[in-house]
């Protein structure tokens, strides 16, 4: 996991101090994924954690998501949405930000993909 997080940090071009400021949040995400028994394939895990860290950065810096409303929630399985809410809503509260529902949907899509890939194994 340490190597994965170092790769995330390098891909996001974050200094050590900035990246370490998200350590508690990363642990929160990792614990929820463990509790929910969701495991990503290695490449998708990298993408997911990079997405989550960039989300934390956007929340911290109050940078809104700007991707429109093109992804209807009804196409994402309820379990994936519920896990995404568990992951993201506490972050929005921590950083005292209003949460764009698309943040939940985007994470839900990634979670749904991981869940589907696990079923195939």
PDB file of N, CA and C in Angstrom:
ATOM      1  N   UNK A   1       0.831  -1.197   0.000  1.00  0.00           N
ATOM      2  CA  UNK A   1       0.000   0.000   0.000  1.00  0.00           C
ATOM      3  C   UNK A   1       0.870   1.254   0.000  1.00  0.00           C
ATOM      4  N   UNK A   2       1.987   1.171   0.711  1.00  0.00           N
ATOM      5  CA  UNK A   2       2.878   2.325   0.784  1.00  0.00           C
ATOM      6  C   UNK A   2       3.395   2.724  -0.596  1.00  0.00           C
ATOM      7  N   UNK A   3       3.759   1.730  -1.409  1.00  0.00           N
ATOM      8  CA  UNK A   3       4.231   2.022  -2.764  1.00  0.00           C
ATOM      9  C   UNK A   3       3.128   2.616  -3.624  1.00  0.00           C
ATOM     10  N   UNK A   4       1.927   2.101  -3.462  1.00  0.00           N
ATOM     11  CA  UNK A   4       0.788   2.627  -4.207  1.00  0.00           C
ATOM     12  C   UNK A   4       0.575   4.107  -3.866  1.00  0.00           C
ATOM     13  N   UNK A   5       0.605   4.420  -2.580  1.00  0.00           N
ATOM     14  CA  UNK A   5       0.383   5.811  -2.167  1.00  0.00           C
ATOM     15  C   UNK A   5       1.508   6.726  -2.638  1.00  0.00           C
ATOM     16  N   UNK A   6       2.724   6.223  -2.665  1.00  0.00           N
ATOM     17  CA  UNK A   6       3.843   7.016  -3.187  1.00  0.00           C
ATOM     18  C   UNK A   6       3.619   7.297  -4.668  1.00  0.00           C
ATOM     19  N   UNK A   7       3.124   6.309  -5.389  1.00  0.00           N
ATOM     20  CA  UNK A   7       2.812   6.478  -6.807  1.00  0.00           C
ATOM     21  C   UNK A   7       1.699   7.512  -6.995  1.00  0.00           C
ATOM     22  N   UNK A   8       0.673   7.446  -6.151  1.00  0.00           N
ATOM     23  CA  UNK A   8      -0.409   8.438  -6.202  1.00  0.00           C
ATOM     24  C   UNK A   8       0.162   9.832  -5.986  1.00  0.00           C
ATOM     25  N   UNK A   9       0.998   9.973  -4.966  1.00  0.00           N
ATOM     26  CA  UNK A   9       1.598  11.276  -4.652  1.00  0.00           C
ATOM     27  C   UNK A   9       2.395  11.821  -5.841  1.00  0.00           C
ATOM     28  N   UNK A  10       3.182  10.953  -6.452  1.00  0.00           N
ATOM     29  CA  UNK A  10       3.987  11.382  -7.596  1.00  0.00           C
ATOM     30  C   UNK A  10       3.114  11.763  -8.779  1.00  0.00           C
ATOM     31  N   UNK A  11       2.078  10.983  -9.037  1.00  0.00           N
ATOM     32  CA  UNK A  11       1.192  11.277 -10.174  1.00  0.00           C
ATOM     33  C   UNK A  11       0.434  12.596  -9.970  1.00  0.00           C
ATOM     34  N   UNK A  12       0.107  12.897  -8.711  1.00  0.00           N
ATOM     35  CA  UNK A  12      -0.597  14.150  -8.416  1.00  0.00           C
ATOM     36  C   UNK A  12       0.360  15.318  -8.175  1.00  0.00           C
ATOM     37  N   UNK A  13       1.664  15.019  -8.241  1.00  0.00           N
ATOM     38  CA  UNK A  13       2.710  16.032  -8.075  1.00  0.00           C
ATOM     39  C   UNK A  13       2.537  16.818  -6.774  1.00  0.00           C
ATOM     40  N   UNK A  14       2.373  16.081  -5.680  1.00  0.00           N
ATOM     41  CA  UNK A  14       2.189  16.694  -4.366  1.00  0.00           C
ATOM     42  C   UNK A  14       3.465  16.578  -3.548  1.00  0.00           C
ATOM     43  N   UNK A  15       3.783  17.640  -2.856  1.00  0.00           N
ATOM     44  CA  UNK A  15       4.901  17.619  -1.915  1.00  0.00           C
ATOM     45  C   UNK A  15       4.545  16.701  -0.746  1.00  0.00           C
ATOM     46  N   UNK A  16       5.559  16.205  -0.061  1.00  0.00           N
ATOM     47  CA  UNK A  16       5.334  15.292   1.070  1.00  0.00           C
ATOM     48  C   UNK A  16       4.379  15.885   2.093  1.00  0.00           C
ATOM     49  N   UNK A  17       4.601  17.127   2.473  1.00  0.00           N
ATOM     50  CA  UNK A  17       3.771  17.760   3.505  1.00  0.00           C
ATOM     51  C   UNK A  17       2.299  17.810   3.102  1.00  0.00           C
ATOM     52  N   UNK A  18       2.039  18.199   1.868  1.00  0.00           N
ATOM     53  CA  UNK A  18       0.655  18.264   1.396  1.00  0.00           C
ATOM     54  C   UNK A  18       0.032  16.874   1.376  1.00  0.00           C
ATOM     55  N   UNK A  19       0.746  15.902   0.833  1.00  0.00           N
ATOM     56  CA  UNK A  19       0.196  14.554   0.734  1.00  0.00           C
ATOM     57  C   UNK A  19      -0.052  13.973   2.126  1.00  0.00           C
ATOM     58  N   UNK A  20       0.876  14.181   3.040  1.00  0.00           N
ATOM     59  CA  UNK A  20       0.719  13.663   4.401  1.00  0.00           C
ATOM     60  C   UNK A  20      -0.471  14.296   5.126  1.00  0.00           C
ATOM     61  N   UNK A  21      -0.877  15.479   4.698  1.00  0.00           N
ATOM     62  CA  UNK A  21      -2.036  16.123   5.336  1.00  0.00           C
ATOM     63  C   UNK A  21      -3.324  15.338   5.085  1.00  0.00           C
ATOM     64  N   UNK A  22      -3.310  14.440   4.104  1.00  0.00           N
ATOM     65  CA  UNK A  22      -4.476  13.619   3.788  1.00  0.00           C
ATOM     66  C   UNK A  22      -4.382  12.207   4.370  1.00  0.00           C
ATOM     67  N   UNK A  23      -3.366  11.948   5.179  1.00  0.00           N
ATOM     68  CA  UNK A  23      -3.116  10.613   5.705  1.00  0.00           C
ATOM     69  C   UNK A  23      -4.315  10.045   6.468  1.00  0.00           C
ATOM     70  N   UNK A  24      -4.916  10.824   7.337  1.00  0.00           N
ATOM     71  CA  UNK A  24      -6.078  10.356   8.110  1.00  0.00           C
ATOM     72  C   UNK A  24      -7.234  10.018   7.185  1.00  0.00           C
ATOM     73  N   UNK A  25      -7.441  10.835   6.175  1.00  0.00           N
ATOM     74  CA  UNK A  25      -8.524  10.593   5.217  1.00  0.00           C
ATOM     75  C   UNK A  25      -8.269   9.321   4.398  1.00  0.00           C
ATOM     76  N   UNK A  26      -7.024   9.103   4.013  1.00  0.00           N
ATOM     77  CA  UNK A  26      -6.675   7.901   3.266  1.00  0.00           C
ATOM     78  C   UNK A  26      -6.918   6.663   4.129  1.00  0.00           C
ATOM     79  N   UNK A  27      -6.556   6.748   5.402  1.00  0.00           N
ATOM     80  CA  UNK A  27      -6.802   5.627   6.314  1.00  0.00           C
ATOM     81  C   UNK A  27      -8.299   5.364   6.461  1.00  0.00           C
ATOM     82  N   UNK A  28      -9.097   6.430   6.521  1.00  0.00           N
ATOM     83  CA  UNK A  28     -10.562   6.312   6.587  1.00  0.00           C
ATOM     84  C   UNK A  28     -11.074   5.540   5.369  1.00  0.00           C
ATOM     85  N   UNK A  29     -10.621   5.914   4.196  1.00  0.00           N
ATOM     86  CA  UNK A  29     -11.054   5.269   2.961  1.00  0.00           C
ATOM     87  C   UNK A  29     -10.619   3.802   2.940  1.00  0.00           C
ATOM     88  N   UNK A  30      -9.383   3.555   3.301  1.00  0.00           N
ATOM     89  CA  UNK A  30      -8.856   2.188   3.305  1.00  0.00           C
ATOM     90  C   UNK A  30      -9.638   1.298   4.264  1.00  0.00           C
ATOM     91  N   UNK A  31      -9.991   1.830   5.427  1.00  0.00           N
ATOM     92  CA  UNK A  31     -10.731   1.043   6.415  1.00  0.00           C
ATOM     93  C   UNK A  31     -12.145   0.720   5.914  1.00  0.00           C
ATOM     94  N   UNK A  32     -12.796   1.682   5.306  1.00  0.00           N
ATOM     95  CA  UNK A  32     -14.147   1.432   4.792  1.00  0.00           C
ATOM     96  C   UNK A  32     -14.109   0.389   3.670  1.00  0.00           C
ATOM     97  N   UNK A  33     -13.144   0.491   2.785  1.00  0.00           N
ATOM     98  CA  UNK A  33     -13.021  -0.510   1.720  1.00  0.00           C
ATOM     99  C   UNK A  33     -12.791  -1.895   2.318  1.00  0.00           C
ATOM    100  N   UNK A  34     -11.981  -1.959   3.361  1.00  0.00           N
ATOM    101  CA  UNK A  34     -11.738  -3.241   4.034  1.00  0.00           C
ATOM    102  C   UNK A  34     -13.017  -3.761   4.690  1.00  0.00           C
ATOM    103  N   UNK A  35     -13.713  -2.876   5.409  1.00  0.00           N
ATOM    104  CA  UNK A  35     -14.959  -3.263   6.072  1.00  0.00           C
ATOM    105  C   UNK A  35     -16.008  -3.750   5.077  1.00  0.00           C
ATOM    106  N   UNK A  36     -16.056  -3.117   3.926  1.00  0.00           N
ATOM    107  CA  UNK A  36     -17.030  -3.466   2.890  1.00  0.00           C
ATOM    108  C   UNK A  36     -16.546  -4.607   1.992  1.00  0.00           C
ATOM    109  N   UNK A  37     -15.317  -5.056   2.253  1.00  0.00           N
ATOM    110  CA  UNK A  37     -14.714  -6.147   1.488  1.00  0.00           C
ATOM    111  C   UNK A  37     -14.667  -5.840  -0.009  1.00  0.00           C
ATOM    112  N   UNK A  38     -14.231  -4.629  -0.313  1.00  0.00           N
ATOM    113  CA  UNK A  38     -14.071  -4.215  -1.708  1.00  0.00           C
ATOM    114  C   UNK A  38     -12.576  -4.094  -1.975  1.00  0.00           C
ATOM    115  N   UNK A  39     -12.127  -4.856  -2.962  1.00  0.00           N
ATOM    116  CA  UNK A  39     -10.718  -4.843  -3.338  1.00  0.00           C
ATOM    117  C   UNK A  39     -10.610  -4.495  -4.817  1.00  0.00           C
ATOM    118  N   UNK A  40      -9.792  -3.503  -5.106  1.00  0.00           N
ATOM    119  CA  UNK A  40      -9.564  -3.087  -6.490  1.00  0.00           C
ATOM    120  C   UNK A  40      -8.420  -3.885  -7.098  1.00  0.00           C
ATOM    121  N   UNK A  41      -8.481  -4.103  -8.399  1.00  0.00           N
ATOM    122  CA  UNK A  41      -7.330  -4.606  -9.131  1.00  0.00           C
ATOM    123  C   UNK A  41      -6.243  -3.534  -9.014  1.00  0.00           C
ATOM    124  N   UNK A  42      -4.953  -3.891  -9.063  1.00  0.00           N
ATOM    125  CA  UNK A  42      -3.877  -2.920  -8.813  1.00  0.00           C
ATOM    126  C   UNK A  42      -3.972  -1.620  -9.612  1.00  0.00           C
ATOM    127  N   UNK A  43      -4.172  -1.688 -10.915  1.00  0.00           N
ATOM    128  CA  UNK A  43      -4.235  -0.457 -11.714  1.00  0.00           C
ATOM    129  C   UNK A  43      -5.447   0.389 -11.342  1.00  0.00           C
ATOM    130  N   UNK A  44      -6.567  -0.246 -11.087  1.00  0.00           N
ATOM    131  CA  UNK A  44      -7.782   0.491 -10.725  1.00  0.00           C
ATOM    132  C   UNK A  44      -7.673   1.064  -9.311  1.00  0.00           C
ATOM    133  N   UNK A  45      -6.928   0.380  -8.456  1.00  0.00           N
ATOM    134  CA  UNK A  45      -6.712   0.872  -7.094  1.00  0.00           C
ATOM    135  C   UNK A  45      -5.934   2.187  -7.139  1.00  0.00           C
ATOM    136  N   UNK A  46      -4.934   2.250  -7.988  1.00  0.00           N
ATOM    137  CA  UNK A  46      -4.163   3.473  -8.159  1.00  0.00           C
ATOM    138  C   UNK A  46      -5.061   4.617  -8.625  1.00  0.00           C
ATOM    139  N   UNK A  47      -5.881   4.333  -9.613  1.00  0.00           N
ATOM    140  CA  UNK A  47      -6.793   5.355 -10.145  1.00  0.00           C
ATOM    141  C   UNK A  47      -7.783   5.804  -9.064  1.00  0.00           C
ATOM    142  N   UNK A  48      -8.321   4.846  -8.316  1.00  0.00           N
ATOM    143  CA  UNK A  48      -9.303   5.181  -7.286  1.00  0.00           C
ATOM    144  C   UNK A  48      -8.681   6.068  -6.203  1.00  0.00           C
ATOM    145  N   UNK A  49      -7.530   5.694  -5.703  1.00  0.00           N
ATOM    146  CA  UNK A  49      -6.898   6.501  -4.649  1.00  0.00           C
ATOM    147  C   UNK A  49      -6.469   7.869  -5.177  1.00  0.00           C
ATOM    148  N   UNK A  50      -6.016   7.944  -6.409  1.00  0.00           N
ATOM    149  CA  UNK A  50      -5.693   9.254  -6.992  1.00  0.00           C
ATOM    150  C   UNK A  50      -6.946  10.118  -7.067  1.00  0.00           C
ATOM    151  N   UNK A  51      -8.065   9.512  -7.441  1.00  0.00           N
ATOM    152  CA  UNK A  51      -9.338  10.232  -7.481  1.00  0.00           C
ATOM    153  C   UNK A  51      -9.713  10.723  -6.086  1.00  0.00           C
ATOM    154  N   UNK A  52      -9.579   9.848  -5.097  1.00  0.00           N
ATOM    155  CA  UNK A  52      -9.962  10.216  -3.728  1.00  0.00           C
ATOM    156  C   UNK A  52      -9.074  11.327  -3.172  1.00  0.00           C
ATOM    157  N   UNK A  53      -7.775  11.253  -3.418  1.00  0.00           N
ATOM    158  CA  UNK A  53      -6.877  12.307  -2.922  1.00  0.00           C
ATOM    159  C   UNK A  53      -7.151  13.622  -3.641  1.00  0.00           C
ATOM    160  N   UNK A  54      -7.399  13.566  -4.939  1.00  0.00           N
ATOM    161  CA  UNK A  54      -7.721  14.813  -5.647  1.00  0.00           C
ATOM    162  C   UNK A  54      -9.064  15.374  -5.167  1.00  0.00           C
ATOM    163  N   UNK A  55     -10.000  14.506  -4.818  1.00  0.00           N
ATOM    164  CA  UNK A  55     -11.268  14.955  -4.225  1.00  0.00           C
ATOM    165  C   UNK A  55     -11.008  15.667  -2.902  1.00  0.00           C
ATOM    166  N   UNK A  56     -10.173  15.079  -2.054  1.00  0.00           N
ATOM    167  CA  UNK A  56      -9.832  15.709  -0.776  1.00  0.00           C
ATOM    168  C   UNK A  56      -9.230  17.089  -1.001  1.00  0.00           C
ATOM    169  N   UNK A  57      -8.335  17.174  -1.963  1.00  0.00           N
ATOM    170  CA  UNK A  57      -7.694  18.454  -2.282  1.00  0.00           C
ATOM    171  C   UNK A  57      -8.740  19.474  -2.744  1.00  0.00           C
ATOM    172  N   UNK A  58      -9.658  19.051  -3.611  1.00  0.00           N
ATOM    173  CA  UNK A  58     -10.710  19.961  -4.083  1.00  0.00           C
ATOM    174  C   UNK A  58     -11.589  20.423  -2.927  1.00  0.00           C
ATOM    175  N   UNK A  59     -11.933  19.480  -2.026  1.00  0.00           N
ATOM    176  CA  UNK A  59     -12.746  19.860  -0.874  1.00  0.00           C
ATOM    177  C   UNK A  59     -11.995  20.839   0.024  1.00  0.00           C
ATOM    178  N   UNK A  60     -10.757  20.518   0.307  1.00  0.00           N
ATOM    179  CA  UNK A  60      -9.940  21.362   1.184  1.00  0.00           C
ATOM    180  C   UNK A  60      -9.794  22.773   0.617  1.00  0.00           C
ATOM    181  N   UNK A  61      -9.599  22.858  -0.700  1.00  0.00           N
ATOM    182  CA  UNK A  61      -9.369  24.148  -1.348  1.00  0.00           C
ATOM    183  C   UNK A  61     -10.650  24.771  -1.895  1.00  0.00           C
ATOM    184  N   UNK A  62     -11.783  24.126  -1.647  1.00  0.00           N
ATOM    185  CA  UNK A  62     -13.094  24.598  -2.105  1.00  0.00           C
ATOM    186  C   UNK A  62     -13.124  24.825  -3.616  1.00  0.00           C
ATOM    187  N   UNK A  63     -12.673  23.810  -4.331  1.00  0.00           N
ATOM    188  CA  UNK A  63     -12.700  23.827  -5.797  1.00  0.00           C
ATOM    189  C   UNK A  63     -13.844  22.911  -6.229  1.00  0.00           C
ATOM    190  N   UNK A  64     -14.890  23.466  -6.816  1.00  0.00           N
ATOM    191  CA  UNK A  64     -16.042  22.631  -7.181  1.00  0.00           C
ATOM    192  C   UNK A  64     -15.735  21.695  -8.338  1.00  0.00           C
ATOM    193  N   UNK A  65     -16.423  20.578  -8.346  1.00  0.00           N
ATOM    194  CA  UNK A  65     -16.350  19.635  -9.453  1.00  0.00           C
ATOM    195  C   UNK A  65     -17.093  20.252 -10.624  1.00  0.00           C
ATOM    196  N   UNK A  66     -16.509  20.167 -11.782  1.00  0.00           N
ATOM    197  CA  UNK A  66     -17.126  20.775 -12.957  1.00  0.00           C
ATOM    198  C   UNK A  66     -17.212  19.730 -14.063  1.00  0.00           C
ATOM    199  N   UNK A  67     -18.211  18.828 -13.927  1.00  0.00           N
ATOM    200  CA  UNK A  67     -18.325  17.773 -14.950  1.00  0.00           C
ATOM    201  C   UNK A  67     -19.750  17.634 -15.463  1.00  0.00           C
ATOM    202  N   UNK A  68     -20.607  18.551 -15.121  1.00  0.00           N
ATOM    203  CA  UNK A  68     -21.977  18.483 -15.617  1.00  0.00           C
ATOM    204  C   UNK A  68     -22.793  17.421 -14.905  1.00  0.00           C
ATOM    205  N   UNK A  69     -23.902  17.095 -15.472  1.00  0.00           N
ATOM    206  CA  UNK A  69     -24.837  16.125 -14.878  1.00  0.00           C
ATOM    207  C   UNK A  69     -25.095  14.964 -15.831  1.00  0.00           C
ATOM    208  N   UNK A  70     -24.065  14.534 -16.549  1.00  0.00           N
ATOM    209  CA  UNK A  70     -24.232  13.531 -17.598  1.00  0.00           C
ATOM    210  C   UNK A  70     -24.325  12.087 -17.112  1.00  0.00           C
ATOM    211  N   UNK A  71     -24.115  11.843 -15.835  1.00  0.00           N
ATOM    212  CA  UNK A  71     -24.084  10.464 -15.344  1.00  0.00           C
ATOM    213  C   UNK A  71     -25.223  10.233 -14.365  1.00  0.00           C
ATOM    214  N   UNK A  72     -26.315   9.671 -14.839  1.00  0.00           N
ATOM    215  CA  UNK A  72     -27.468   9.481 -13.949  1.00  0.00           C
ATOM    216  C   UNK A  72     -27.190   8.455 -12.858  1.00  0.00           C
ATOM    217  N   UNK A  73     -27.593   8.802 -11.673  1.00  0.00           N
ATOM    218  CA  UNK A  73     -27.364   7.958 -10.507  1.00  0.00           C
ATOM    219  C   UNK A  73     -28.031   6.598 -10.624  1.00  0.00           C
ATOM    220  N   UNK A  74     -29.156   6.541 -11.300  1.00  0.00           N
ATOM    221  CA  UNK A  74     -29.893   5.274 -11.380  1.00  0.00           C
ATOM    222  C   UNK A  74     -29.131   4.187 -12.141  1.00  0.00           C
ATOM    223  N   UNK A  75     -28.061   4.540 -12.808  1.00  0.00           N
ATOM    224  CA  UNK A  75     -27.257   3.538 -13.514  1.00  0.00           C
ATOM    225  C   UNK A  75     -26.178   2.921 -12.620  1.00  0.00           C
ATOM    226  N   UNK A  76     -26.054   3.426 -11.395  1.00  0.00           N
ATOM    227  CA  UNK A  76     -25.047   2.918 -10.468  1.00  0.00           C
ATOM    228  C   UNK A  76     -25.760   2.112  -9.387  1.00  0.00           C
ATOM    229  N   UNK A  77     -25.239   0.926  -9.114  1.00  0.00           N
ATOM    230  CA  UNK A  77     -25.857   0.053  -8.120  1.00  0.00           C
ATOM    231  C   UNK A  77     -25.906   0.732  -6.749  1.00  0.00           C
ATOM    232  N   UNK A  78     -26.964   0.452  -6.012  1.00  0.00           N
ATOM    233  CA  UNK A  78     -27.198   1.087  -4.716  1.00  0.00           C
ATOM    234  C   UNK A  78     -26.060   0.802  -3.736  1.00  0.00           C
ATOM    235  N   UNK A  79     -25.515  -0.423  -3.751  1.00  0.00           N
ATOM    236  CA  UNK A  79     -24.414  -0.737  -2.827  1.00  0.00           C
ATOM    237  C   UNK A  79     -23.221   0.178  -3.089  1.00  0.00           C
ATOM    238  N   UNK A  80     -22.886   0.370  -4.348  1.00  0.00           N
ATOM    239  CA  UNK A  80     -21.751   1.226  -4.706  1.00  0.00           C
ATOM    240  C   UNK A  80     -22.006   2.669  -4.270  1.00  0.00           C
ATOM    241  N   UNK A  81     -23.231   3.145  -4.441  1.00  0.00           N
ATOM    242  CA  UNK A  81     -23.582   4.498  -4.012  1.00  0.00           C
ATOM    243  C   UNK A  81     -23.458   4.623  -2.492  1.00  0.00           C
ATOM    244  N   UNK A  82     -23.978   3.639  -1.765  1.00  0.00           N
ATOM    245  CA  UNK A  82     -23.933   3.677  -0.295  1.00  0.00           C
ATOM    246  C   UNK A  82     -22.491   3.693   0.215  1.00  0.00           C
ATOM    247  N   UNK A  83     -21.626   2.881  -0.390  1.00  0.00           N
ATOM    248  CA  UNK A  83     -20.221   2.873   0.025  1.00  0.00           C
ATOM    249  C   UNK A  83     -19.566   4.212  -0.320  1.00  0.00           C
ATOM    250  N   UNK A  84     -19.864   4.740  -1.487  1.00  0.00           N
ATOM    251  CA  UNK A  84     -19.322   6.048  -1.876  1.00  0.00           C
ATOM    252  C   UNK A  84     -19.753   7.127  -0.879  1.00  0.00           C
ATOM    253  N   UNK A  85     -20.991   7.064  -0.439  1.00  0.00           N
ATOM    254  CA  UNK A  85     -21.462   8.027   0.567  1.00  0.00           C
ATOM    255  C   UNK A  85     -20.687   7.879   1.868  1.00  0.00           C
ATOM    256  N   UNK A  86     -20.431   6.637   2.289  1.00  0.00           N
ATOM    257  CA  UNK A  86     -19.651   6.400   3.508  1.00  0.00           C
ATOM    258  C   UNK A  86     -18.240   6.961   3.390  1.00  0.00           C
ATOM    259  N   UNK A  87     -17.699   6.887   2.200  1.00  0.00           N
ATOM    260  CA  UNK A  87     -16.348   7.379   1.967  1.00  0.00           C
ATOM    261  C   UNK A  87     -16.285   8.900   1.924  1.00  0.00           C
ATOM    262  N   UNK A  88     -17.218   9.507   1.224  1.00  0.00           N
ATOM    263  CA  UNK A  88     -17.095  10.916   0.850  1.00  0.00           C
ATOM    264  C   UNK A  88     -17.819  11.883   1.781  1.00  0.00           C
ATOM    265  N   UNK A  89     -18.985  11.521   2.268  1.00  0.00           N
ATOM    266  CA  UNK A  89     -19.725  12.469   3.106  1.00  0.00           C
ATOM    267  C   UNK A  89     -18.940  12.923   4.337  1.00  0.00           C
ATOM    268  N   UNK A  90     -18.216  12.029   5.034  1.00  0.00           N
ATOM    269  CA  UNK A  90     -17.408  12.510   6.168  1.00  0.00           C
ATOM    270  C   UNK A  90     -16.308  13.491   5.740  1.00  0.00           C
ATOM    271  N   UNK A  91     -15.792  13.324   4.530  1.00  0.00           N
ATOM    272  CA  UNK A  91     -14.772  14.256   4.041  1.00  0.00           C
ATOM    273  C   UNK A  91     -15.368  15.641   3.809  1.00  0.00           C
ATOM    274  N   UNK A  92     -16.556  15.682   3.230  1.00  0.00           N
ATOM    275  CA  UNK A  92     -17.224  16.968   3.003  1.00  0.00           C
ATOM    276  C   UNK A  92     -17.495  17.664   4.337  1.00  0.00           C
ATOM    277  N   UNK A  93     -17.892  16.892   5.340  1.00  0.00           N
ATOM    278  CA  UNK A  93     -18.130  17.469   6.669  1.00  0.00           C
ATOM    279  C   UNK A  93     -16.830  17.966   7.278  1.00  0.00           C
ATOM    280  N   UNK A  94     -15.779  17.185   7.154  1.00  0.00           N
ATOM    281  CA  UNK A  94     -14.482  17.571   7.712  1.00  0.00           C
ATOM    282  C   UNK A  94     -14.012  18.897   7.137  1.00  0.00           C
ATOM    283  N   UNK A  95     -14.144  19.044   5.823  1.00  0.00           N
ATOM    284  CA  UNK A  95     -13.675  20.254   5.159  1.00  0.00           C
ATOM    285  C   UNK A  95     -14.757  21.329   5.061  1.00  0.00           C
ATOM    286  N   UNK A  96     -15.909  21.068   5.668  1.00  0.00           N
ATOM    287  CA  UNK A  96     -17.040  22.004   5.732  1.00  0.00           C
ATOM    288  C   UNK A  96     -17.386  22.530   4.336  1.00  0.00           C
ATOM    289  N   UNK A  97     -17.714  21.587   3.468  1.00  0.00           N
ATOM    290  CA  UNK A  97     -18.055  21.931   2.084  1.00  0.00           C
ATOM    291  C   UNK A  97     -19.375  21.289   1.696  1.00  0.00           C
ATOM    292  N   UNK A  98     -20.114  21.969   0.835  1.00  0.00           N
ATOM    293  CA  UNK A  98     -21.277  21.358   0.224  1.00  0.00           C
ATOM    294  C   UNK A  98     -20.752  20.343  -0.781  1.00  0.00           C
ATOM    295  N   UNK A  99     -21.443  19.245  -0.883  1.00  0.00           N
ATOM    296  CA  UNK A  99     -20.976  18.160  -1.733  1.00  0.00           C
ATOM    297  C   UNK A  99     -21.821  18.069  -2.988  1.00  0.00           C
ATOM    298  N   UNK A 100     -21.165  18.099  -4.126  1.00  0.00           N
ATOM    299  CA  UNK A 100     -21.826  17.883  -5.402  1.00  0.00           C
ATOM    300  C   UNK A 100     -22.141  16.388  -5.496  1.00  0.00           C
ATOM    301  N   UNK A 101     -23.377  16.029  -5.744  1.00  0.00           N
ATOM    302  CA  UNK A 101     -23.789  14.625  -5.803  1.00  0.00           C
ATOM    303  C   UNK A 101     -22.981  13.838  -6.841  1.00  0.00           C
ATOM    304  N   UNK A 102     -22.482  14.521  -7.849  1.00  0.00           N
ATOM    305  CA  UNK A 102     -21.673  13.851  -8.865  1.00  0.00           C
ATOM    306  C   UNK A 102     -20.403  13.251  -8.264  1.00  0.00           C
ATOM    307  N   UNK A 103     -19.903  13.822  -7.172  1.00  0.00           N
ATOM    308  CA  UNK A 103     -18.731  13.233  -6.511  1.00  0.00           C
ATOM    309  C   UNK A 103     -19.053  11.813  -6.047  1.00  0.00           C
ATOM    310  N   UNK A 104     -20.236  11.652  -5.472  1.00  0.00           N
ATOM    311  CA  UNK A 104     -20.681  10.332  -5.002  1.00  0.00           C
ATOM    312  C   UNK A 104     -20.855   9.389  -6.192  1.00  0.00           C
ATOM    313  N   UNK A 105     -21.475   9.870  -7.243  1.00  0.00           N
ATOM    314  CA  UNK A 105     -21.748   9.038  -8.411  1.00  0.00           C
ATOM    315  C   UNK A 105     -20.441   8.591  -9.070  1.00  0.00           C
ATOM    316  N   UNK A 106     -19.489   9.504  -9.210  1.00  0.00           N
ATOM    317  CA  UNK A 106     -18.214   9.140  -9.837  1.00  0.00           C
ATOM    318  C   UNK A 106     -17.475   8.085  -9.024  1.00  0.00           C
ATOM    319  N   UNK A 107     -17.433   8.258  -7.715  1.00  0.00           N
ATOM    320  CA  UNK A 107     -16.798   7.241  -6.870  1.00  0.00           C
ATOM    321  C   UNK A 107     -17.597   5.945  -6.932  1.00  0.00           C
ATOM    322  N   UNK A 108     -18.918   6.057  -6.969  1.00  0.00           N
ATOM    323  CA  UNK A 108     -19.774   4.879  -7.061  1.00  0.00           C
ATOM    324  C   UNK A 108     -19.501   4.062  -8.315  1.00  0.00           C
ATOM    325  N   UNK A 109     -19.245   4.732  -9.412  1.00  0.00           N
ATOM    326  CA  UNK A 109     -18.928   4.033 -10.660  1.00  0.00           C
ATOM    327  C   UNK A 109     -17.645   3.219 -10.492  1.00  0.00           C
ATOM    328  N   UNK A 110     -16.647   3.814  -9.885  1.00  0.00           N
ATOM    329  CA  UNK A 110     -15.385   3.093  -9.665  1.00  0.00           C
ATOM    330  C   UNK A 110     -15.584   1.926  -8.709  1.00  0.00           C
ATOM    331  N   UNK A 111     -16.352   2.146  -7.660  1.00  0.00           N
ATOM    332  CA  UNK A 111     -16.624   1.073  -6.698  1.00  0.00           C
ATOM    333  C   UNK A 111     -17.404  -0.065  -7.358  1.00  0.00           C
ATOM    334  N   UNK A 112     -18.373   0.291  -8.173  1.00  0.00           N
ATOM    335  CA  UNK A 112     -19.171  -0.728  -8.864  1.00  0.00           C
ATOM    336  C   UNK A 112     -18.281  -1.575  -9.777  1.00  0.00           C
ATOM    337  N   UNK A 113     -17.351  -0.943 -10.445  1.00  0.00           N
ATOM    338  CA  UNK A 113     -16.428  -1.675 -11.297  1.00  0.00           C
ATOM    339  C   UNK A 113     -15.598  -2.663 -10.465  1.00  0.00           C
ATOM    340  N   UNK A 114     -15.105  -2.205  -9.313  1.00  0.00           N
ATOM    341  CA  UNK A 114     -14.328  -3.101  -8.438  1.00  0.00           C
ATOM    342  C   UNK A 114     -15.170  -4.271  -7.969  1.00  0.00           C
ATOM    343  N   UNK A 115     -16.399  -4.001  -7.585  1.00  0.00           N
ATOM    344  CA  UNK A 115     -17.311  -5.047  -7.097  1.00  0.00           C
ATOM    345  C   UNK A 115     -17.566  -6.072  -8.211  1.00  0.00           C
ATOM    346  N   UNK A 116     -17.824  -5.588  -9.408  1.00  0.00           N
ATOM    347  CA  UNK A 116     -18.069  -6.477 -10.551  1.00  0.00           C
ATOM    348  C   UNK A 116     -16.847  -7.305 -10.884  1.00  0.00           C
ATOM    349  N   UNK A 117     -15.664  -6.727 -10.804  1.00  0.00           N
ATOM    350  CA  UNK A 117     -14.442  -7.475 -11.086  1.00  0.00           C
ATOM    351  C   UNK A 117     -14.197  -8.539 -10.023  1.00  0.00           C
ATOM    352  N   UNK A 118     -14.548  -8.265  -8.774  1.00  0.00           N
ATOM    353  CA  UNK A 118     -14.406  -9.248  -7.723  1.00  0.00           C
ATOM    354  C   UNK A 118     -15.328 -10.448  -7.972  1.00  0.00           C
ATOM    355  N   UNK A 119     -16.524 -10.179  -8.450  1.00  0.00           N
ATOM    356  CA  UNK A 119     -17.489 -11.258  -8.733  1.00  0.00           C
ATOM    357  C   UNK A 119     -16.969 -12.190  -9.821  1.00  0.00           C
ATOM    358  N   UNK A 120     -16.192 -11.652 -10.744  1.00  0.00           N
ATOM    359  CA  UNK A 120     -15.669 -12.432 -11.869  1.00  0.00           C
ATOM    360  C   UNK A 120     -14.501 -13.323 -11.470  1.00  0.00           C
ATOM    361  N   UNK A 121     -13.884 -13.022 -10.352  1.00  0.00           N
ATOM    362  CA  UNK A 121     -12.702 -13.808  -9.925  1.00  0.00           C
ATOM    363  C   UNK A 121     -13.088 -15.153  -9.387  1.00  0.00           C
TER     364      UNK A 121
END
